[in-house]
C-alpha atoms as a PDB file:
ATOM      1  CA  MET A   1      69.844  93.588  87.491  1.00  0.00           C
ATOM      2  CA  SER A   2      71.753  90.287  85.714  1.00  0.00           C
ATOM      3  CA  ARG A   3      70.380  86.978  85.424  1.00  0.00           C
ATOM      4  CA  PRO A   4      71.970  84.625  88.349  1.00  0.00           C
ATOM      5  CA  LEU A   5      74.401  82.303  87.529  1.00  0.00           C
ATOM      6  CA  ASN A   6      73.022  79.065  88.514  1.00  0.00           C
ATOM      7  CA  VAL A   7      76.254  77.110  88.615  1.00  0.00           C
ATOM      8  CA  PRO A   8      75.774  73.251  88.195  1.00  0.00           C
ATOM      9  CA  ALA A   9      76.706  71.189  90.685  1.00  0.00           C
ATOM     10  CA  TRP A  10      79.834  69.850  88.926  1.00  0.00           C
ATOM     11  CA  VAL A  11      81.397  73.092  88.241  1.00  0.00           C
ATOM     12  CA  TRP A  12      81.208  73.784  92.067  1.00  0.00           C
ATOM     13  CA  PHE A  13      83.346  70.651  92.369  1.00  0.00           C
ATOM     14  CA  SER A  14      85.571  71.268  89.863  1.00  0.00           C
ATOM     15  CA  THR A  15      86.265  74.197  91.006  1.00  0.00           C
ATOM     16  CA  VAL A  16      86.933  73.431  94.738  1.00  0.00           C
ATOM     17  CA  GLY A  17      88.941  70.534  93.264  1.00  0.00           C
ATOM     18  CA  ALA A  18      91.207  72.239  91.281  1.00  0.00           C
ATOM     19  CA  ILE A  19      91.746  75.329  93.954  1.00  0.00           C
ATOM     20  CA  LEU A  20      92.804  72.177  96.019  1.00  0.00           C
ATOM     21  CA  LEU A  21      95.403  70.914  93.136  1.00  0.00           C
ATOM     22  CA  VAL A  22      96.957  74.034  93.180  1.00  0.00           C
ATOM     23  CA  ILE A  23      98.006  74.400  96.889  1.00  0.00           C
ATOM     24  CA  THR A  24      98.624  70.800  97.338  1.00  0.00           C
ATOM     25  CA  ALA A  25     101.344  71.312  94.094  1.00  0.00           C
ATOM     26  CA  ASP A  26     102.623  74.618  95.607  1.00  0.00           C
ATOM     27  CA  LEU A  27     103.003  73.066  99.027  1.00  0.00           C
ATOM     28  CA  LEU A  28     104.955  69.500  97.772  1.00  0.00           C
ATOM     29  CA  VAL A  29     107.164  72.466  95.696  1.00  0.00           C
ATOM     30  CA  ALA A  30     107.492  74.613  98.286  1.00  0.00           C
ATOM     31  CA  GLU A  31     108.858  71.718 100.582  1.00  0.00           C
ATOM     32  CA  ARG A  32     110.830  69.863  97.962  1.00  0.00           C
ATOM     33  CA  GLY A  33     113.857  69.085  99.954  1.00  0.00           C
ATOM     34  CA  GLY A  34     112.708  69.735 103.231  1.00  0.00           C
ATOM     35  CA  PRO A  35     111.291  72.639 105.010  1.00  0.00           C
ATOM     36  CA  ARG A  36     113.233  76.010 104.576  1.00  0.00           C
ATOM     37  CA  GLU A  37     112.828  79.389 104.748  1.00  0.00           C
ATOM     38  CA  PHE A  38     111.182  80.807 101.550  1.00  0.00           C
ATOM     39  CA  THR A  39     113.379  83.480  99.613  1.00  0.00           C
ATOM     40  CA  LEU A  40     111.748  87.105  97.733  1.00  0.00           C
ATOM     41  CA  ARG A  41     112.854  85.049  94.688  1.00  0.00           C
ATOM     42  CA  GLN A  42     110.433  82.182  95.236  1.00  0.00           C
ATOM     43  CA  ALA A  43     107.723  84.601  96.606  1.00  0.00           C
ATOM     44  CA  THR A  44     108.006  86.747  93.529  1.00  0.00           C
ATOM     45  CA  ALA A  45     107.086  84.152  91.465  1.00  0.00           C
ATOM     46  CA  TRP A  46     104.434  82.282  93.139  1.00  0.00           C
ATOM     47  CA  VAL A  47     102.381  85.762  93.936  1.00  0.00           C
ATOM     48  CA  SER A  48     102.608  86.699  90.274  1.00  0.00           C
ATOM     49  CA  PHE A  49     101.570  83.006  89.445  1.00  0.00           C
ATOM     50  CA  TYR A  50      98.326  83.282  91.426  1.00  0.00           C
ATOM     51  CA  VAL A  51      97.250  86.843  90.489  1.00  0.00           C
ATOM     52  CA  SER A  52      97.836  85.521  86.536  1.00  0.00           C
ATOM     53  CA  LEU A  53      95.324  82.346  87.570  1.00  0.00           C
ATOM     54  CA  ALA A  54      92.618  84.586  88.997  1.00  0.00           C
ATOM     55  CA  MET A  55      93.400  87.318  85.940  1.00  0.00           C
ATOM     56  CA  LEU A  56      93.243  84.092  83.392  1.00  0.00           C
ATOM     57  CA  PHE A  57      89.294  83.297  85.385  1.00  0.00           C
ATOM     58  CA  PHE A  58      88.515  86.312  85.125  1.00  0.00           C
ATOM     59  CA  VAL A  59      88.900  86.468  81.169  1.00  0.00           C
ATOM     60  CA  GLY A  60      87.293  82.887  81.153  1.00  0.00           C
ATOM     61  CA  LEU A  61      84.662  84.483  83.085  1.00  0.00           C
ATOM     62  CA  PHE A  62      84.112  87.498  80.766  1.00  0.00           C
ATOM     63  CA  PHE A  63      83.779  84.996  77.466  1.00  0.00           C
ATOM     64  CA  LEU A  64      81.659  82.760  79.267  1.00  0.00           C
ATOM     65  CA  VAL A  65      78.867  84.810  81.203  1.00  0.00           C
ATOM     66  CA  GLY A  66      79.828  88.291  80.199  1.00  0.00           C
ATOM     67  CA  GLY A  67      81.336  91.417  81.430  1.00  0.00           C
ATOM     68  CA  GLN A  68      79.219  92.309  84.030  1.00  0.00           C
ATOM     69  CA  ARG A  69      79.770  88.856  85.829  1.00  0.00           C
ATOM     70  CA  ALA A  70      83.658  89.367  84.943  1.00  0.00           C
ATOM     71  CA  GLY A  71      83.622  92.910  86.660  1.00  0.00           C
ATOM     72  CA  GLU A  72      81.748  91.918  90.151  1.00  0.00           C
ATOM     73  CA  PHE A  73      84.391  88.549  90.603  1.00  0.00           C
ATOM     74  CA  ILE A  74      87.607  90.770  89.464  1.00  0.00           C
ATOM     75  CA  ALA A  75      86.101  93.766  91.779  1.00  0.00           C
ATOM     76  CA  GLY A  76      85.685  91.201  94.530  1.00  0.00           C
ATOM     77  CA  TYR A  77      89.182  89.897  94.261  1.00  0.00           C
ATOM     78  CA  LEU A  78      90.759  93.090  94.014  1.00  0.00           C
ATOM     79  CA  THR A  79      88.817  93.994  97.897  1.00  0.00           C
ATOM     80  CA  GLU A  80      89.398  90.627  99.146  1.00  0.00           C
ATOM     81  CA  TYR A  81      93.014  91.049  98.401  1.00  0.00           C
ATOM     82  CA  SER A  82      93.096  94.623  99.692  1.00  0.00           C
ATOM     83  CA  LEU A  83      91.961  93.753 102.812  1.00  0.00           C
ATOM     84  CA  SER A  84      93.484  90.759 102.977  1.00  0.00           C
ATOM     85  CA  VAL A  85      97.004  92.625 102.887  1.00  0.00           C
ATOM     86  CA  ASP A  86      95.561  94.784 105.937  1.00  0.00           C
ATOM     87  CA  ASN A  87      95.108  91.400 107.748  1.00  0.00           C
ATOM     88  CA  LEU A  88      98.921  90.122 107.069  1.00  0.00           C
ATOM     89  CA  PHE A  89     100.348  92.544 110.215  1.00  0.00           C
ATOM     90  CA  VAL A  90      98.180  90.144 112.396  1.00  0.00           C
ATOM     91  CA  PHE A  91      99.703  87.071 110.789  1.00  0.00           C
ATOM     92  CA  TYR A  92     103.049  88.213 111.352  1.00  0.00           C
ATOM     93  CA  LEU A  93     102.019  88.913 115.218  1.00  0.00           C
ATOM     94  CA  ILE A  94     100.931  85.352 115.564  1.00  0.00           C
ATOM     95  CA  LEU A  95     103.676  83.487 114.143  1.00  0.00           C
ATOM     96  CA  ALA A  96     105.897  85.558 116.557  1.00  0.00           C
ATOM     97  CA  ARG A  97     104.024  85.347 119.174  1.00  0.00           C
ATOM     98  CA  PHE A  98     104.375  81.831 119.050  1.00  0.00           C
ATOM     99  CA  ARG A  99     107.523  81.796 117.697  1.00  0.00           C
ATOM    100  CA  VAL A 100     107.580  79.850 114.468  1.00  0.00           C
ATOM    101  CA  PRO A 101     110.938  78.415 113.120  1.00  0.00           C
ATOM    102  CA  LYS A 102     111.164  80.431 109.466  1.00  0.00           C
ATOM    103  CA  GLU A 103     111.443  77.365 107.912  1.00  0.00           C
ATOM    104  CA  ASN A 104     107.949  76.240 108.878  1.00  0.00           C
ATOM    105  CA  GLN A 105     106.227  79.309 108.505  1.00  0.00           C
ATOM    106  CA  HIS A 106     104.513  78.719 105.195  1.00  0.00           C
ATOM    107  CA  ARG A 107     103.272  74.947 106.198  1.00  0.00           C
ATOM    108  CA  VAL A 108     101.728  77.116 109.143  1.00  0.00           C
ATOM    109  CA  LEU A 109      99.958  80.266 106.683  1.00  0.00           C
ATOM    110  CA  LEU A 110      99.389  77.703 103.769  1.00  0.00           C
ATOM    111  CA  ILE A 111      97.402  74.718 106.080  1.00  0.00           C
ATOM    112  CA  GLY A 112      95.816  77.639 108.349  1.00  0.00           C
ATOM    113  CA  ILE A 113      95.067  79.305 104.939  1.00  0.00           C
ATOM    114  CA  LEU A 114      93.160  76.620 103.897  1.00  0.00           C
ATOM    115  CA  MET A 115      90.914  76.339 107.376  1.00  0.00           C
ATOM    116  CA  ALA A 116      89.683  79.878 106.340  1.00  0.00           C
ATOM    117  CA  LEU A 117      89.499  79.096 102.917  1.00  0.00           C
ATOM    118  CA  GLY A 118      86.770  76.194 104.810  1.00  0.00           C
ATOM    119  CA  LEU A 119      84.999  78.728 107.449  1.00  0.00           C
ATOM    120  CA  ARG A 120      84.637  81.399 104.411  1.00  0.00           C
ATOM    121  CA  GLY A 121      82.861  79.071 102.559  1.00  0.00           C
ATOM    122  CA  MET A 122      80.361  78.274 105.031  1.00  0.00           C
ATOM    123  CA  PHE A 123      80.057  81.882 105.994  1.00  0.00           C
ATOM    124  CA  ILE A 124      79.287  82.616 102.254  1.00  0.00           C
ATOM    125  CA  ALA A 125      76.809  80.242 101.879  1.00  0.00           C
ATOM    126  CA  ALA A 126      75.078  81.570 105.134  1.00  0.00           C
ATOM    127  CA  GLY A 127      75.366  84.865 104.021  1.00  0.00           C
ATOM    128  CA  ALA A 128      74.082  84.303 100.722  1.00  0.00           C
ATOM    129  CA  ALA A 129      70.699  82.161 101.828  1.00  0.00           C
ATOM    130  CA  ALA A 130      69.960  85.244 104.067  1.00  0.00           C
ATOM    131  CA  VAL A 131      70.673  88.187 101.512  1.00  0.00           C
ATOM    132  CA  ALA A 132      68.733  86.041  99.436  1.00  0.00           C
ATOM    133  CA  ARG A 133      65.591  85.923 102.159  1.00  0.00           C
ATOM    134  CA  PHE A 134      66.036  89.582 103.879  1.00  0.00           C
ATOM    135  CA  GLN A 135      66.695  92.196 101.676  1.00  0.00           C
ATOM    136  CA  TRP A 136      67.267  94.297 104.380  1.00  0.00           C
ATOM    137  CA  LEU A 137      70.646  92.879 105.547  1.00  0.00           C
ATOM    138  CA  PHE A 138      72.038  95.332 102.994  1.00  0.00           C
ATOM    139  CA  PHE A 139      71.245  97.876 105.365  1.00  0.00           C
ATOM    140  CA  LEU A 140      72.886  96.181 107.812  1.00  0.00           C
ATOM    141  CA  PHE A 141      75.786  95.373 106.214  1.00  0.00           C
ATOM    142  CA  GLY A 142      76.138  98.722 104.107  1.00  0.00           C
ATOM    143  CA  ALA A 143      75.835 100.458 108.235  1.00  0.00           C
ATOM    144  CA  PHE A 144      78.729  97.734 109.647  1.00  0.00           C
ATOM    145  CA  LEU A 145      80.996  99.015 106.553  1.00  0.00           C
ATOM    146  CA  ILE A 146      80.770 102.186 106.987  1.00  0.00           C
ATOM    147  CA  TYR A 147      81.319 102.102 110.788  1.00  0.00           C
ATOM    148  CA  THR A 148      84.432  99.724 110.021  1.00  0.00           C
ATOM    149  CA  ALA A 149      85.481 102.253 107.921  1.00  0.00           C
ATOM    150  CA  ILE A 150      85.349 105.010 110.559  1.00  0.00           C
ATOM    151  CA  GLY A 151      87.150 102.564 112.695  1.00  0.00           C
ATOM    152  CA  LEU A 152      90.228 102.201 110.411  1.00  0.00           C
ATOM    153  CA  LEU A 153      90.318 106.145 110.320  1.00  0.00           C
ATOM    154  CA  ARG A 154      90.358 106.323 113.918  1.00  0.00           C
ATOM    155  CA  GLY A 155      93.153 103.518 114.436  1.00  0.00           C
ATOM    156  CA  GLY A 156      91.705 100.286 114.583  1.00  0.00           C
ATOM    157  CA  ASP A 157      92.999  97.844 116.762  1.00  0.00           C
ATOM    158  CA  ASP A 158      94.074  95.183 114.238  1.00  0.00           C
ATOM    159  CA  ASP A 159      97.797  95.394 115.378  1.00  0.00           C
ATOM    160  CA  ASP A 160      96.638  94.043 118.703  1.00  0.00           C
ATOM    161  CA  PHE A 161      96.403  89.865 118.740  1.00  0.00           C
ATOM    162  CA  SER A 162      93.961  88.636 121.093  1.00  0.00           C
ATOM    163  CA  GLU A 163      93.096  85.095 121.068  1.00  0.00           C
ATOM    164  CA  ASN A 164      89.726  84.365 119.983  1.00  0.00           C
ATOM    165  CA  ARG A 165      87.292  81.688 121.922  1.00  0.00           C
ATOM    166  CA  VAL A 166      88.165  78.766 119.720  1.00  0.00           C
ATOM    167  CA  LEU A 167      91.495  79.209 119.747  1.00  0.00           C
ATOM    168  CA  ARG A 168      91.478  79.537 124.057  1.00  0.00           C
ATOM    169  CA  PHE A 169      89.048  75.966 124.216  1.00  0.00           C
ATOM    170  CA  VAL A 170      91.454  74.351 121.861  1.00  0.00           C
ATOM    171  CA  ARG A 171      94.866  75.216 124.182  1.00  0.00           C
ATOM    172  CA  ARG A 172      92.584  73.730 127.246  1.00  0.00           C
ATOM    173  CA  VAL A 173      91.641  71.075 126.311  1.00  0.00           C
ATOM    174  CA  LEU A 174      94.332  69.853 123.519  1.00  0.00           C
ATOM    175  CA  PRO A 175      97.770  68.340 125.265  1.00  0.00           C
ATOM    176  CA  THR A 176     100.409  70.246 123.654  1.00  0.00           C
ATOM    177  CA  THR A 177     104.125  70.233 123.774  1.00  0.00           C
ATOM    178  CA  PRO A 178     106.409  72.798 124.768  1.00  0.00           C
ATOM    179  CA  ASP A 179     108.544  72.551 121.607  1.00  0.00           C
ATOM    180  CA  TYR A 180     107.949  72.425 118.255  1.00  0.00           C
ATOM    181  CA  HIS A 181     109.225  68.935 116.176  1.00  0.00           C
ATOM    182  CA  GLY A 182     109.466  70.005 112.965  1.00  0.00           C
ATOM    183  CA  THR A 183     105.968  70.331 110.906  1.00  0.00           C
ATOM    184  CA  ARG A 184     104.388  67.508 112.713  1.00  0.00           C
ATOM    185  CA  LEU A 185     101.066  68.181 114.407  1.00  0.00           C
ATOM    186  CA  THR A 186     101.480  65.311 116.982  1.00  0.00           C
ATOM    187  CA  VAL A 187     104.195  63.607 119.009  1.00  0.00           C
ATOM    188  CA  ARG A 188     103.941  60.178 121.320  1.00  0.00           C
ATOM    189  CA  THR A 189     105.921  61.088 124.362  1.00  0.00           C
ATOM    190  CA  GLY A 190     105.896  58.705 127.733  1.00  0.00           C
ATOM    191  CA  GLY A 191     103.310  56.404 125.715  1.00  0.00           C
ATOM    192  CA  SER A 192     100.831  59.930 125.673  1.00  0.00           C
ATOM    193  CA  ARG A 193      99.706  61.350 121.868  1.00  0.00           C
ATOM    194  CA  LEU A 194     100.108  64.963 122.697  1.00  0.00           C
ATOM    195  CA  PHE A 195      99.834  67.511 120.274  1.00  0.00           C
ATOM    196  CA  THR A 196     102.456  70.437 119.036  1.00  0.00           C
ATOM    197  CA  PRO A 197     102.380  74.180 119.070  1.00  0.00           C
ATOM    198  CA  MET A 198     101.911  73.358 115.104  1.00  0.00           C
ATOM    199  CA  LEU A 199      98.242  72.491 115.435  1.00  0.00           C
ATOM    200  CA  VAL A 200      97.282  75.741 117.844  1.00  0.00           C
ATOM    201  CA  VAL A 201      99.186  78.383 115.352  1.00  0.00           C
ATOM    202  CA  MET A 202      96.994  76.984 112.445  1.00  0.00           C
ATOM    203  CA  VAL A 203      93.803  76.903 114.631  1.00  0.00           C
ATOM    204  CA  ALA A 204      95.216  80.722 115.239  1.00  0.00           C
ATOM    205  CA  ILE A 205      95.612  82.000 111.662  1.00  0.00           C
ATOM    206  CA  GLY A 206      92.366  80.310 110.200  1.00  0.00           C
ATOM    207  CA  THR A 207      89.744  81.646 113.390  1.00  0.00           C
ATOM    208  CA  THR A 208      91.417  84.842 113.037  1.00  0.00           C
ATOM    209  CA  ASP A 209      91.009  85.186 109.292  1.00  0.00           C
ATOM    210  CA  LEU A 210      87.420  84.146 109.972  1.00  0.00           C
ATOM    211  CA  LEU A 211      87.238  87.326 112.131  1.00  0.00           C
ATOM    212  CA  PHE A 212      88.467  89.444 109.575  1.00  0.00           C
ATOM    213  CA  ALA A 213      86.005  87.802 107.151  1.00  0.00           C
ATOM    214  CA  LEU A 214      83.116  89.975 109.180  1.00  0.00           C
ATOM    215  CA  ASP A 215      84.442  92.871 107.400  1.00  0.00           C
ATOM    216  CA  SER A 216      85.703  91.448 103.814  1.00  0.00           C
ATOM    217  CA  ILE A 217      82.738  88.895 103.197  1.00  0.00           C
ATOM    218  CA  PRO A 218      80.161  91.863 103.197  1.00  0.00           C
ATOM    219  CA  ALA A 219      81.929  94.364 101.531  1.00  0.00           C
ATOM    220  CA  ILE A 220      82.003  91.808  98.460  1.00  0.00           C
ATOM    221  CA  PHE A 221      78.589  91.233  99.075  1.00  0.00           C
ATOM    222  CA  GLY A 222      78.267  94.832  98.292  1.00  0.00           C
ATOM    223  CA  LEU A 223      79.887  93.903  94.680  1.00  0.00           C
ATOM    224  CA  THR A 224      77.966  90.780  93.333  1.00  0.00           C
ATOM    225  CA  THR A 225      75.229  88.637  95.185  1.00  0.00           C
ATOM    226  CA  GLU A 226      76.465  84.997  93.203  1.00  0.00           C
ATOM    227  CA  PRO A 227      77.928  82.778  95.743  1.00  0.00           C
ATOM    228  CA  TYR A 228      80.044  80.959  92.913  1.00  0.00           C
ATOM    229  CA  LEU A 229      81.552  84.522  92.149  1.00  0.00           C
ATOM    230  CA  ILE A 230      81.753  85.121  96.207  1.00  0.00           C
ATOM    231  CA  PHE A 231      83.317  82.185  96.941  1.00  0.00           C
ATOM    232  CA  THR A 232      86.329  82.143  93.666  1.00  0.00           C
ATOM    233  CA  ALA A 233      86.824  85.725  94.903  1.00  0.00           C
ATOM    234  CA  ASN A 234      87.630  84.337  97.937  1.00  0.00           C
ATOM    235  CA  ALA A 235      89.725  81.297  96.886  1.00  0.00           C
ATOM    236  CA  PHE A 236      91.897  83.523  94.589  1.00  0.00           C
ATOM    237  CA  ALA A 237      92.703  86.614  97.361  1.00  0.00           C
ATOM    238  CA  LEU A 238      93.684  83.486 100.009  1.00  0.00           C
ATOM    239  CA  MET A 239      95.369  80.881  97.940  1.00  0.00           C
ATOM    240  CA  GLY A 240      98.343  83.911  96.988  1.00  0.00           C
ATOM    241  CA  LEU A 241      98.328  85.467 100.617  1.00  0.00           C
ATOM    242  CA  ARG A 242     101.223  82.905 102.267  1.00  0.00           C
ATOM    243  CA  GLN A 243     103.315  83.583  99.385  1.00  0.00           C
ATOM    244  CA  LEU A 244     102.479  88.173  99.356  1.00  0.00           C
ATOM    245  CA  TYR A 245     103.577  87.577 103.235  1.00  0.00           C
ATOM    246  CA  PHE A 246     107.068  86.634 102.125  1.00  0.00           C
ATOM    247  CA  LEU A 247     107.305  89.099  99.667  1.00  0.00           C
ATOM    248  CA  LEU A 248     106.193  92.011 101.663  1.00  0.00           C
ATOM    249  CA  GLY A 249     107.833  91.417 104.594  1.00  0.00           C
ATOM    250  CA  GLY A 250     108.728  94.081 106.637  1.00  0.00           C
ATOM    251  CA  LEU A 251     106.932  96.033 104.102  1.00  0.00           C
ATOM    252  CA  LEU A 252     103.712  95.717 106.175  1.00  0.00           C
ATOM    253  CA  GLU A 253     104.179  97.471 108.999  1.00  0.00           C
ATOM    254  CA  ARG A 254     105.530 100.651 106.618  1.00  0.00           C
ATOM    255  CA  LEU A 255     102.008 100.791 104.251  1.00  0.00           C
ATOM    256  CA  VAL A 256     100.902 103.783 106.743  1.00  0.00           C
ATOM    257  CA  TYR A 257      98.157 104.872 104.387  1.00  0.00           C
ATOM    258  CA  LEU A 258      96.618 101.141 103.670  1.00  0.00           C
ATOM    259  CA  ASP A 259      93.803 101.707 106.179  1.00  0.00           C
ATOM    260  CA  ALA A 260      92.779 104.854 105.135  1.00  0.00           C
ATOM    261  CA  GLY A 261      92.656 103.152 101.448  1.00  0.00           C
ATOM    262  CA  LEU A 262      90.579 100.918 102.792  1.00  0.00           C
ATOM    263  CA  ALA A 263      88.540 102.854 104.395  1.00  0.00           C
ATOM    264  CA  ALA A 264      87.829 104.462 101.430  1.00  0.00           C
ATOM    265  CA  VAL A 265      86.873 101.238  99.897  1.00  0.00           C
ATOM    266  CA  LEU A 266      84.681 100.027 102.559  1.00  0.00           C
ATOM    267  CA  SER A 267      83.012 103.336 103.072  1.00  0.00           C
ATOM    268  CA  PHE A 268      82.016 103.342  99.231  1.00  0.00           C
ATOM    269  CA  ILE A 269      80.768  99.790  98.738  1.00  0.00           C
ATOM    270  CA  GLY A 270      78.803 100.891 102.685  1.00  0.00           C
ATOM    271  CA  VAL A 271      77.087 103.633 100.777  1.00  0.00           C
ATOM    272  CA  LYS A 272      76.418 101.487  97.851  1.00  0.00           C
ATOM    273  CA  LEU A 273      75.123  98.838  99.362  1.00  0.00           C
ATOM    274  CA  ILE A 274      72.259 101.318 100.948  1.00  0.00           C
ATOM    275  CA  LEU A 275      71.441 102.802  97.983  1.00  0.00           C
ATOM    276  CA  GLU A 276      70.736  99.155  96.367  1.00  0.00           C
ATOM    277  CA  ALA A 277      68.349  98.131  99.325  1.00  0.00           C
ATOM    278  CA  LEU A 278      66.855 101.626  99.054  1.00  0.00           C
ATOM    279  CA  HIS A 279      66.524 101.137  94.964  1.00  0.00           C
ATOM    280  CA  GLY A 280      65.243  97.285  96.485  1.00  0.00           C
ATOM    281  CA  ILE A 281      62.200  98.563  98.438  1.00  0.00           C
ATOM    282  CA  GLY A 282      60.795 100.771  96.008  1.00  0.00           C
ATOM    283  CA  VAL A 283      62.987 104.085  96.469  1.00  0.00           C
ATOM    284  CA  HIS A 284      63.866 104.851  92.554  1.00  0.00           C
ATOM    285  CA  TRP A 285      65.764 108.390  93.355  1.00  0.00           C
ATOM    286  CA  ALA A 286      68.544 106.036  94.884  1.00  0.00           C
ATOM    287  CA  PRO A 287      71.120 105.037  92.277  1.00  0.00           C
ATOM    288  CA  VAL A 288      72.183 102.490  91.367  1.00  0.00           C
ATOM    289  CA  VAL A 289      76.252 102.207  90.766  1.00  0.00           C
ATOM    290  CA  PRO A 290      77.607 100.547  87.875  1.00  0.00           C
ATOM    291  CA  ILE A 291      80.407  97.711  88.467  1.00  0.00           C
ATOM    292  CA  TRP A 292      83.076 100.321  86.206  1.00  0.00           C
ATOM    293  CA  LEU A 293      82.620 102.894  88.855  1.00  0.00           C
ATOM    294  CA  SER A 294      83.052 100.538  91.970  1.00  0.00           C
ATOM    295  CA  LEU A 295      86.226  98.883  90.132  1.00  0.00           C
ATOM    296  CA  ILE A 296      87.313 102.316  89.471  1.00  0.00           C
ATOM    297  CA  VAL A 297      87.501 103.353  93.388  1.00  0.00           C
ATOM    298  CA  ILE A 298      88.734 100.609  94.402  1.00  0.00           C
ATOM    299  CA  VAL A 299      91.839 100.992  92.397  1.00  0.00           C
ATOM    300  CA  THR A 300      92.475 104.034  92.952  1.00  0.00           C
ATOM    301  CA  SER A 301      91.872 103.957  96.845  1.00  0.00           C
ATOM    302  CA  VAL A 302      94.190 101.389  97.015  1.00  0.00           C
ATOM    303  CA  LEU A 303      96.954 102.743  94.633  1.00  0.00           C
ATOM    304  CA  THR A 304      96.756 105.971  95.933  1.00  0.00           C
ATOM    305  CA  ALA A 305      97.342 104.955  99.572  1.00  0.00           C
ATOM    306  CA  THR A 306     100.032 102.734  98.381  1.00  0.00           C
ATOM    307  CA  LEU A 307     101.927 105.003  96.217  1.00  0.00           C
ATOM    308  CA  ALA A 308     101.391 107.525  99.426  1.00  0.00           C
ATOM    309  CA  SER A 309     103.059 104.869 102.020  1.00  0.00           C
ATOM    310  CA  LEU A 310     105.975 104.167  99.304  1.00  0.00           C
ATOM    311  CA  VAL A 311     106.366 107.768  99.002  1.00  0.00           C
ATOM    312  CA  LYS A 312     106.186 108.705 103.017  1.00  0.00           C
ATOM    313  CA  MET A 313     108.957 105.974 103.375  1.00  0.00           C
ATOM    314  CA  ARG A 314     111.470 107.289 101.198  1.00  0.00           C
ATOM    315  CA  ARG A 315     111.019 110.758 102.877  1.00  0.00           C
ATOM    316  CA  ASP A 316     111.416 109.166 105.891  1.00  0.00           C
ATOM    317  CA  ALA A 317     114.632 107.656 105.399  1.00  0.00           C
ATOM    318  CA  SER A 318     115.729 110.461 103.374  1.00  0.00           C
ATOM    319  CA  ARG A 319     115.349 112.443 106.575  1.00  0.00           C
ATOM    320  CA  ASP A 320     117.430 109.378 108.864  1.00  0.00           C
ATOM    321  CA  ARG A 321     120.320 109.834 106.343  1.00  0.00           C
ATOM    322  CA  ASP A 322     120.650 113.392 106.777  1.00  0.00           C
ATOM    323  CA  GLY A 323     119.823 113.335 110.481  1.00  0.00           C
ATOM    324  CA  SER A 324     122.729 110.777 111.106  1.00  0.00           C
ATOM    325  CA  ARG A 325     125.339 113.417 108.207  1.00  0.00           C
ATOM    326  CA  GLU A 326     124.181 116.247 111.111  1.00  0.00           C
ATOM    327  CA  ARG A 327     125.106 114.197 113.859  1.00  0.00           C
ATOM    328  CA  ARG A 328     128.691 113.018 112.630  1.00  0.00           C
ATOM    329  CA  PRO A 329     131.508 114.955 114.539  1.00  0.00           C
END
């Protein structure tokens, strides 16, 4: 097992500060000239930028702390990013349900994702402290991931958005206006300060993502137990999520085999966690899965599921064209 990183406090503060600086620049560039719809070209450029940023961070880790830790980061990043793609469809449902104007959707997603990052940070800190004290949690995490994988294969309820308790509380307590007022969160009407639906949607995005983290955080703990690597992998995955939403667009609902690929990833990590837990309590026949094998399984599973979905999409389109030709007089 690798030595703990023991990341100094100044590195943590510098990392969080750099993340906030990049996100602020992102927002300023996106809203230059006023709120407007995100174009495909913009989305492609920003997704490429954030992926490149993650790769540069990976290279930096490789030279500073070694290949093992760098491999743990990139495996965690790929896992979190893959699981996030599956969650984008629920974000689509939220934006559609609350009828968010298209020119304001990128701001809603950005603020909601920032909330999610803060909530995940607290979740990661609690999880890291618990894992450090209670090794048996690996058994629980592993079993939960396998259970989640089975649910994905059966066809989970990710397509159904239901308001969580936090969102219901916010809607019940805060007086809100019936209509949007640009990107404003509050307006003064009749001498009273009212909240706009923008705030409610941001809370919906942020808290719903935290529910998704119940799957993704245990998964990344199966790849690394270093809080710094877990946090940065989550941060890089979430930062580019907004642009990925606009880049994929209608393709989201056509990735029909993505759940199967994610189920394979979660099952593998679940088994890996259980094997490591067994090894930790003295069952030495239980093998420790190397990080390079984890990377191969993650990349192969997600790529295979994506390619299979695209092939099916092309076949369906070809079948529809042939059918329309046959129906012509």
